[in-house]
């Protein structure tokens, strides 16, 4: 009976101690998430393909992403970028 008790206690300790160590040293502790911040840019362009393509490539090379196209006053498209 006494030997069984000692075995159970040592088994409990052998499971509990490593679990506590892993829990205390966990490098993946939840951290407060930083809010994403975006910058937007609206660019009016001439309605021809070459002008639009030039502007798209220019902004794309600078890290801007096209998120929408608005027709504005129906003669000058507006390209809406975010970064």
PDB file of N, CA and C in Angstrom:
ATOM      1  N   UNK A   1       0.819  -1.201   0.000  1.00  0.00           N
ATOM      2  CA  UNK A   1       0.000   0.000   0.000  1.00  0.00           C
ATOM      3  C   UNK A   1       0.855   1.254   0.000  1.00  0.00           C
ATOM      4  N   UNK A   2       1.888   1.278   0.841  1.00  0.00           N
ATOM      5  CA  UNK A   2       2.767   2.427   0.930  1.00  0.00           C
ATOM      6  C   UNK A   2       3.570   2.596  -0.360  1.00  0.00           C
ATOM      7  N   UNK A   3       3.966   1.480  -0.959  1.00  0.00           N
ATOM      8  CA  UNK A   3       4.739   1.537  -2.206  1.00  0.00           C
ATOM      9  C   UNK A   3       3.878   2.097  -3.350  1.00  0.00           C
ATOM     10  N   UNK A   4       2.600   1.744  -3.378  1.00  0.00           N
ATOM     11  CA  UNK A   4       1.676   2.262  -4.398  1.00  0.00           C
ATOM     12  C   UNK A   4       1.487   3.768  -4.265  1.00  0.00           C
ATOM     13  N   UNK A   5       1.411   4.226  -3.036  1.00  0.00           N
ATOM     14  CA  UNK A   5       1.250   5.661  -2.783  1.00  0.00           C
ATOM     15  C   UNK A   5       2.474   6.433  -3.256  1.00  0.00           C
ATOM     16  N   UNK A   6       3.669   5.920  -2.958  1.00  0.00           N
ATOM     17  CA  UNK A   6       4.920   6.559  -3.375  1.00  0.00           C
ATOM     18  C   UNK A   6       5.000   6.592  -4.897  1.00  0.00           C
ATOM     19  N   UNK A   7       4.560   5.504  -5.548  1.00  0.00           N
ATOM     20  CA  UNK A   7       4.581   5.445  -7.011  1.00  0.00           C
ATOM     21  C   UNK A   7       3.640   6.490  -7.622  1.00  0.00           C
ATOM     22  N   UNK A   8       2.463   6.646  -7.048  1.00  0.00           N
ATOM     23  CA  UNK A   8       1.493   7.628  -7.557  1.00  0.00           C
ATOM     24  C   UNK A   8       2.006   9.064  -7.368  1.00  0.00           C
ATOM     25  N   UNK A   9       2.617   9.312  -6.232  1.00  0.00           N
ATOM     26  CA  UNK A   9       3.161  10.649  -5.974  1.00  0.00           C
ATOM     27  C   UNK A   9       4.296  10.952  -6.941  1.00  0.00           C
ATOM     28  N   UNK A  10       5.188   9.996  -7.156  1.00  0.00           N
ATOM     29  CA  UNK A  10       6.302  10.244  -8.079  1.00  0.00           C
ATOM     30  C   UNK A  10       5.814  10.377  -9.513  1.00  0.00           C
ATOM     31  N   UNK A  11       4.780   9.635  -9.891  1.00  0.00           N
ATOM     32  CA  UNK A  11       4.199   9.781 -11.228  1.00  0.00           C
ATOM     33  C   UNK A  11       3.575  11.166 -11.384  1.00  0.00           C
ATOM     34  N   UNK A  12       2.853  11.602 -10.371  1.00  0.00           N
ATOM     35  CA  UNK A  12       2.243  12.932 -10.406  1.00  0.00           C
ATOM     36  C   UNK A  12       3.282  14.029 -10.528  1.00  0.00           C
ATOM     37  N   UNK A  13       4.360  13.907  -9.784  1.00  0.00           N
ATOM     38  CA  UNK A  13       5.431  14.898  -9.842  1.00  0.00           C
ATOM     39  C   UNK A  13       6.112  14.872 -11.206  1.00  0.00           C
ATOM     40  N   UNK A  14       6.328  13.686 -11.759  1.00  0.00           N
ATOM     41  CA  UNK A  14       7.021  13.590 -13.051  1.00  0.00           C
ATOM     42  C   UNK A  14       6.188  14.173 -14.186  1.00  0.00           C
ATOM     43  N   UNK A  15       4.886  14.239 -14.023  1.00  0.00           N
ATOM     44  CA  UNK A  15       4.024  14.857 -15.035  1.00  0.00           C
ATOM     45  C   UNK A  15       3.829  16.336 -14.739  1.00  0.00           C
ATOM     46  N   UNK A  16       3.655  16.667 -13.502  1.00  0.00           N
ATOM     47  CA  UNK A  16       3.339  18.036 -13.109  1.00  0.00           C
ATOM     48  C   UNK A  16       4.505  19.005 -13.294  1.00  0.00           C
ATOM     49  N   UNK A  17       5.709  18.601 -12.916  1.00  0.00           N
ATOM     50  CA  UNK A  17       6.867  19.505 -12.983  1.00  0.00           C
ATOM     51  C   UNK A  17       7.172  19.927 -14.427  1.00  0.00           C
ATOM     52  N   UNK A  18       7.302  18.979 -15.387  1.00  0.00           N
ATOM     53  CA  UNK A  18       7.574  19.427 -16.766  1.00  0.00           C
ATOM     54  C   UNK A  18       6.444  20.279 -17.340  1.00  0.00           C
ATOM     55  N   UNK A  19       5.210  19.971 -16.984  1.00  0.00           N
ATOM     56  CA  UNK A  19       4.080  20.772 -17.469  1.00  0.00           C
ATOM     57  C   UNK A  19       4.167  22.201 -16.938  1.00  0.00           C
ATOM     58  N   UNK A  20       4.490  22.350 -15.672  1.00  0.00           N
ATOM     59  CA  UNK A  20       4.621  23.697 -15.094  1.00  0.00           C
ATOM     60  C   UNK A  20       5.782  24.460 -15.722  1.00  0.00           C
ATOM     61  N   UNK A  21       6.880  23.786 -15.976  1.00  0.00           N
ATOM     62  CA  UNK A  21       8.040  24.439 -16.596  1.00  0.00           C
ATOM     63  C   UNK A  21       7.689  24.915 -17.997  1.00  0.00           C
ATOM     64  N   UNK A  22       7.033  24.046 -18.780  1.00  0.00           N
ATOM     65  CA  UNK A  22       6.636  24.445 -20.142  1.00  0.00           C
ATOM     66  C   UNK A  22       5.651  25.608 -20.102  1.00  0.00           C
ATOM     67  N   UNK A  23       4.744  25.581 -19.160  1.00  0.00           N
ATOM     68  CA  UNK A  23       3.750  26.647 -19.060  1.00  0.00           C
ATOM     69  C   UNK A  23       4.407  27.979 -18.693  1.00  0.00           C
ATOM     70  N   UNK A  24       5.371  27.955 -17.797  1.00  0.00           N
ATOM     71  CA  UNK A  24       6.042  29.185 -17.361  1.00  0.00           C
ATOM     72  C   UNK A  24       6.983  29.748 -18.424  1.00  0.00           C
ATOM     73  N   UNK A  25       7.587  28.872 -19.219  1.00  0.00           N
ATOM     74  CA  UNK A  25       8.563  29.313 -20.214  1.00  0.00           C
ATOM     75  C   UNK A  25       7.978  29.433 -21.609  1.00  0.00           C
ATOM     76  N   UNK A  26       6.674  29.419 -21.719  1.00  0.00           N
ATOM     77  CA  UNK A  26       6.021  29.444 -23.023  1.00  0.00           C
ATOM     78  C   UNK A  26       6.323  30.754 -23.757  1.00  0.00           C
ATOM     79  N   UNK A  27       7.069  30.685 -24.875  1.00  0.00           N
ATOM     80  CA  UNK A  27       7.380  31.910 -25.619  1.00  0.00           C
ATOM     81  C   UNK A  27       6.208  32.410 -26.462  1.00  0.00           C
ATOM     82  N   UNK A  28       5.153  31.639 -26.561  1.00  0.00           N
ATOM     83  CA  UNK A  28       4.019  32.001 -27.403  1.00  0.00           C
ATOM     84  C   UNK A  28       2.870  32.497 -26.538  1.00  0.00           C
ATOM     85  N   UNK A  29       3.202  33.255 -25.533  1.00  0.00           N
ATOM     86  CA  UNK A  29       2.165  33.828 -24.676  1.00  0.00           C
ATOM     87  C   UNK A  29       1.350  34.830 -25.490  1.00  0.00           C
ATOM     88  N   UNK A  30       0.046  34.853 -25.309  1.00  0.00           N
ATOM     89  CA  UNK A  30      -0.773  35.787 -26.089  1.00  0.00           C
ATOM     90  C   UNK A  30      -0.398  37.233 -25.787  1.00  0.00           C
ATOM     91  N   UNK A  31      -0.277  38.015 -26.844  1.00  0.00           N
ATOM     92  CA  UNK A  31       0.064  39.433 -26.710  1.00  0.00           C
ATOM     93  C   UNK A  31      -1.064  40.262 -27.306  1.00  0.00           C
ATOM     94  N   UNK A  32      -1.153  41.481 -26.871  1.00  0.00           N
ATOM     95  CA  UNK A  32      -2.155  42.386 -27.435  1.00  0.00           C
ATOM     96  C   UNK A  32      -1.822  42.640 -28.900  1.00  0.00           C
ATOM     97  N   UNK A  33      -2.813  42.486 -29.752  1.00  0.00           N
ATOM     98  CA  UNK A  33      -2.602  42.684 -31.177  1.00  0.00           C
ATOM     99  C   UNK A  33      -2.564  44.175 -31.496  1.00  0.00           C
ATOM    100  N   UNK A  34      -1.548  44.550 -32.250  1.00  0.00           N
ATOM    101  CA  UNK A  34      -1.453  45.946 -32.674  1.00  0.00           C
ATOM    102  C   UNK A  34      -2.387  46.141 -33.861  1.00  0.00           C
ATOM    103  N   UNK A  35      -3.136  47.224 -33.842  1.00  0.00           N
ATOM    104  CA  UNK A  35      -4.061  47.486 -34.932  1.00  0.00           C
ATOM    105  C   UNK A  35      -3.295  47.779 -36.209  1.00  0.00           C
ATOM    106  N   UNK A  36      -3.803  47.246 -37.315  1.00  0.00           N
ATOM    107  CA  UNK A  36      -3.202  47.531 -38.611  1.00  0.00           C
ATOM    108  C   UNK A  36      -3.568  48.961 -38.992  1.00  0.00           C
ATOM    109  N   UNK A  37      -2.606  49.638 -39.575  1.00  0.00           N
ATOM    110  CA  UNK A  37      -2.837  51.014 -40.011  1.00  0.00           C
ATOM    111  C   UNK A  37      -2.632  51.072 -41.518  1.00  0.00           C
ATOM    112  N   UNK A  38      -3.568  51.693 -42.189  1.00  0.00           N
ATOM    113  CA  UNK A  38      -3.498  51.806 -43.639  1.00  0.00           C
ATOM    114  C   UNK A  38      -3.452  53.272 -44.045  1.00  0.00           C
ATOM    115  N   UNK A  39      -2.850  53.495 -45.165  1.00  0.00           N
ATOM    116  CA  UNK A  39      -2.823  54.822 -45.777  1.00  0.00           C
ATOM    117  C   UNK A  39      -3.521  54.674 -47.121  1.00  0.00           C
ATOM    118  N   UNK A  40      -4.337  55.641 -47.488  1.00  0.00           N
ATOM    119  CA  UNK A  40      -5.077  55.571 -48.746  1.00  0.00           C
ATOM    120  C   UNK A  40      -4.680  56.729 -49.648  1.00  0.00           C
ATOM    121  N   UNK A  41      -4.775  56.484 -50.921  1.00  0.00           N
ATOM    122  CA  UNK A  41      -4.463  57.529 -51.898  1.00  0.00           C
ATOM    123  C   UNK A  41      -5.478  57.429 -53.027  1.00  0.00           C
ATOM    124  N   UNK A  42      -6.063  58.552 -53.416  1.00  0.00           N
ATOM    125  CA  UNK A  42      -7.012  58.605 -54.533  1.00  0.00           C
ATOM    126  C   UNK A  42      -6.351  59.390 -55.654  1.00  0.00           C
ATOM    127  N   UNK A  43      -6.303  58.771 -56.829  1.00  0.00           N
ATOM    128  CA  UNK A  43      -5.617  59.385 -57.961  1.00  0.00           C
ATOM    129  C   UNK A  43      -6.574  59.452 -59.144  1.00  0.00           C
ATOM    130  N   UNK A  44      -6.772  60.659 -59.684  1.00  0.00           N
ATOM    131  CA  UNK A  44      -7.590  60.805 -60.888  1.00  0.00           C
ATOM    132  C   UNK A  44      -6.677  60.672 -62.101  1.00  0.00           C
ATOM    133  N   UNK A  45      -7.121  59.884 -63.073  1.00  0.00           N
ATOM    134  CA  UNK A  45      -6.320  59.666 -64.284  1.00  0.00           C
ATOM    135  C   UNK A  45      -7.173  59.898 -65.517  1.00  0.00           C
ATOM    136  N   UNK A  46      -6.499  60.069 -66.645  1.00  0.00           N
ATOM    137  CA  UNK A  46      -7.221  60.166 -67.907  1.00  0.00           C
ATOM    138  C   UNK A  46      -7.801  58.795 -68.238  1.00  0.00           C
ATOM    139  N   UNK A  47      -8.938  58.764 -68.934  1.00  0.00           N
ATOM    140  CA  UNK A  47      -9.606  57.483 -69.166  1.00  0.00           C
ATOM    141  C   UNK A  47      -8.993  56.609 -70.273  1.00  0.00           C
ATOM    142  N   UNK A  48      -7.733  56.818 -70.605  1.00  0.00           N
ATOM    143  CA  UNK A  48      -7.138  55.950 -71.625  1.00  0.00           C
ATOM    144  C   UNK A  48      -6.297  54.854 -70.943  1.00  0.00           C
ATOM    145  N   UNK A  49      -6.191  53.727 -71.598  1.00  0.00           N
ATOM    146  CA  UNK A  49      -5.545  52.545 -71.027  1.00  0.00           C
ATOM    147  C   UNK A  49      -4.092  52.784 -70.654  1.00  0.00           C
ATOM    148  N   UNK A  50      -3.339  53.456 -71.486  1.00  0.00           N
ATOM    149  CA  UNK A  50      -1.904  53.662 -71.225  1.00  0.00           C
ATOM    150  C   UNK A  50      -1.678  54.512 -69.969  1.00  0.00           C
ATOM    151  N   UNK A  51      -2.461  55.564 -69.809  1.00  0.00           N
ATOM    152  CA  UNK A  51      -2.319  56.415 -68.624  1.00  0.00           C
ATOM    153  C   UNK A  51      -2.652  55.631 -67.363  1.00  0.00           C
ATOM    154  N   UNK A  52      -3.743  54.870 -67.416  1.00  0.00           N
ATOM    155  CA  UNK A  52      -4.139  54.085 -66.249  1.00  0.00           C
ATOM    156  C   UNK A  52      -3.082  53.035 -65.923  1.00  0.00           C
ATOM    157  N   UNK A  53      -2.575  52.357 -66.957  1.00  0.00           N
ATOM    158  CA  UNK A  53      -1.569  51.316 -66.739  1.00  0.00           C
ATOM    159  C   UNK A  53      -0.285  51.907 -66.159  1.00  0.00           C
ATOM    160  N   UNK A  54       0.116  53.068 -66.643  1.00  0.00           N
ATOM    161  CA  UNK A  54       1.314  53.726 -66.125  1.00  0.00           C
ATOM    162  C   UNK A  54       1.146  54.053 -64.646  1.00  0.00           C
ATOM    163  N   UNK A  55      -0.002  54.620 -64.281  1.00  0.00           N
ATOM    164  CA  UNK A  55      -0.256  54.962 -62.876  1.00  0.00           C
ATOM    165  C   UNK A  55      -0.321  53.707 -62.007  1.00  0.00           C
ATOM    166  N   UNK A  56      -0.984  52.651 -62.497  1.00  0.00           N
ATOM    167  CA  UNK A  56      -1.072  51.404 -61.739  1.00  0.00           C
ATOM    168  C   UNK A  56       0.315  50.835 -61.476  1.00  0.00           C
ATOM    169  N   UNK A  57       1.161  50.797 -62.492  1.00  0.00           N
ATOM    170  CA  UNK A  57       2.523  50.281 -62.326  1.00  0.00           C
ATOM    171  C   UNK A  57       3.355  51.165 -61.395  1.00  0.00           C
ATOM    172  N   UNK A  58       3.201  52.462 -61.538  1.00  0.00           N
ATOM    173  CA  UNK A  58       3.943  53.415 -60.701  1.00  0.00           C
ATOM    174  C   UNK A  58       3.614  53.211 -59.218  1.00  0.00           C
ATOM    175  N   UNK A  59       2.335  53.148 -58.902  1.00  0.00           N
ATOM    176  CA  UNK A  59       1.934  52.975 -57.505  1.00  0.00           C
ATOM    177  C   UNK A  59       2.231  51.557 -57.006  1.00  0.00           C
ATOM    178  N   UNK A  60       2.057  50.562 -57.874  1.00  0.00           N
ATOM    179  CA  UNK A  60       2.350  49.184 -57.485  1.00  0.00           C
ATOM    180  C   UNK A  60       3.812  49.001 -57.117  1.00  0.00           C
ATOM    181  N   UNK A  61       4.715  49.632 -57.846  1.00  0.00           N
ATOM    182  CA  UNK A  61       6.147  49.535 -57.548  1.00  0.00           C
ATOM    183  C   UNK A  61       6.495  50.216 -56.223  1.00  0.00           C
ATOM    184  N   UNK A  62       5.659  51.144 -55.797  1.00  0.00           N
ATOM    185  CA  UNK A  62       5.892  51.848 -54.531  1.00  0.00           C
ATOM    186  C   UNK A  62       5.194  51.176 -53.353  1.00  0.00           C
ATOM    187  N   UNK A  63       4.601  50.001 -53.587  1.00  0.00           N
ATOM    188  CA  UNK A  63       3.978  49.265 -52.498  1.00  0.00           C
ATOM    189  C   UNK A  63       2.495  49.534 -52.302  1.00  0.00           C
ATOM    190  N   UNK A  64       1.888  50.272 -53.205  1.00  0.00           N
ATOM    191  CA  UNK A  64       0.460  50.568 -53.104  1.00  0.00           C
ATOM    192  C   UNK A  64      -0.342  49.446 -53.763  1.00  0.00           C
ATOM    193  N   UNK A  65      -1.517  49.162 -53.210  1.00  0.00           N
ATOM    194  CA  UNK A  65      -2.408  48.141 -53.756  1.00  0.00           C
ATOM    195  C   UNK A  65      -3.695  48.813 -54.207  1.00  0.00           C
ATOM    196  N   UNK A  66      -4.119  48.520 -55.435  1.00  0.00           N
ATOM    197  CA  UNK A  66      -5.368  49.075 -55.939  1.00  0.00           C
ATOM    198  C   UNK A  66      -6.526  48.373 -55.245  1.00  0.00           C
ATOM    199  N   UNK A  67      -7.417  49.135 -54.616  1.00  0.00           N
ATOM    200  CA  UNK A  67      -8.539  48.524 -53.912  1.00  0.00           C
ATOM    201  C   UNK A  67      -9.887  48.856 -54.534  1.00  0.00           C
ATOM    202  N   UNK A  68      -9.952  49.913 -55.345  1.00  0.00           N
ATOM    203  CA  UNK A  68     -11.220  50.271 -55.980  1.00  0.00           C
ATOM    204  C   UNK A  68     -10.971  51.231 -57.139  1.00  0.00           C
ATOM    205  N   UNK A  69     -11.952  51.261 -58.042  1.00  0.00           N
ATOM    206  CA  UNK A  69     -11.943  52.229 -59.132  1.00  0.00           C
ATOM    207  C   UNK A  69     -13.302  52.908 -59.105  1.00  0.00           C
ATOM    208  N   UNK A  70     -13.277  54.231 -59.036  1.00  0.00           N
ATOM    209  CA  UNK A  70     -14.507  55.005 -59.023  1.00  0.00           C
ATOM    210  C   UNK A  70     -14.513  55.871 -60.269  1.00  0.00           C
ATOM    211  N   UNK A  71     -15.665  56.053 -60.863  1.00  0.00           N
ATOM    212  CA  UNK A  71     -15.734  56.853 -62.088  1.00  0.00           C
ATOM    213  C   UNK A  71     -15.867  58.343 -61.808  1.00  0.00           C
ATOM    214  N   UNK A  72     -15.995  58.737 -60.585  1.00  0.00           N
ATOM    215  CA  UNK A  72     -16.025  60.171 -60.275  1.00  0.00           C
ATOM    216  C   UNK A  72     -17.090  60.891 -61.069  1.00  0.00           C
ATOM    217  N   UNK A  73     -16.668  61.854 -61.894  1.00  0.00           N
ATOM    218  CA  UNK A  73     -17.627  62.623 -62.695  1.00  0.00           C
ATOM    219  C   UNK A  73     -17.876  61.970 -64.057  1.00  0.00           C
ATOM    220  N   UNK A  74     -17.570  60.718 -64.206  1.00  0.00           N
ATOM    221  CA  UNK A  74     -17.785  59.888 -65.397  1.00  0.00           C
ATOM    222  C   UNK A  74     -16.817  60.179 -66.543  1.00  0.00           C
ATOM    223  N   UNK A  75     -15.912  61.134 -66.367  1.00  0.00           N
ATOM    224  CA  UNK A  75     -14.917  61.387 -67.415  1.00  0.00           C
ATOM    225  C   UNK A  75     -13.507  61.104 -66.940  1.00  0.00           C
ATOM    226  N   UNK A  76     -13.277  61.136 -65.645  1.00  0.00           N
ATOM    227  CA  UNK A  76     -11.954  60.860 -65.095  1.00  0.00           C
ATOM    228  C   UNK A  76     -12.054  59.773 -64.036  1.00  0.00           C
ATOM    229  N   UNK A  77     -11.561  58.572 -64.350  1.00  0.00           N
ATOM    230  CA  UNK A  77     -11.608  57.505 -63.345  1.00  0.00           C
ATOM    231  C   UNK A  77     -10.732  57.858 -62.141  1.00  0.00           C
ATOM    232  N   UNK A  78     -11.156  57.409 -60.980  1.00  0.00           N
ATOM    233  CA  UNK A  78     -10.368  57.583 -59.766  1.00  0.00           C
ATOM    234  C   UNK A  78      -9.867  56.211 -59.328  1.00  0.00           C
ATOM    235  N   UNK A  79      -8.567  56.093 -59.198  1.00  0.00           N
ATOM    236  CA  UNK A  79      -7.950  54.864 -58.717  1.00  0.00           C
ATOM    237  C   UNK A  79      -7.720  55.035 -57.224  1.00  0.00           C
ATOM    238  N   UNK A  80      -8.212  54.091 -56.446  1.00  0.00           N
ATOM    239  CA  UNK A  80      -8.079  54.190 -54.992  1.00  0.00           C
ATOM    240  C   UNK A  80      -7.100  53.105 -54.533  1.00  0.00           C
ATOM    241  N   UNK A  81      -6.003  53.546 -53.934  1.00  0.00           N
ATOM    242  CA  UNK A  81      -4.926  52.656 -53.496  1.00  0.00           C
ATOM    243  C   UNK A  81      -4.854  52.643 -51.976  1.00  0.00           C
ATOM    244  N   UNK A  82      -4.329  51.553 -51.436  1.00  0.00           N
ATOM    245  CA  UNK A  82      -4.045  51.519 -50.003  1.00  0.00           C
ATOM    246  C   UNK A  82      -2.668  50.895 -49.790  1.00  0.00           C
ATOM    247  N   UNK A  83      -2.052  51.289 -48.696  1.00  0.00           N
ATOM    248  CA  UNK A  83      -0.712  50.788 -48.355  1.00  0.00           C
ATOM    249  C   UNK A  83      -0.689  50.467 -46.890  1.00  0.00           C
TER     250      UNK A  83
END
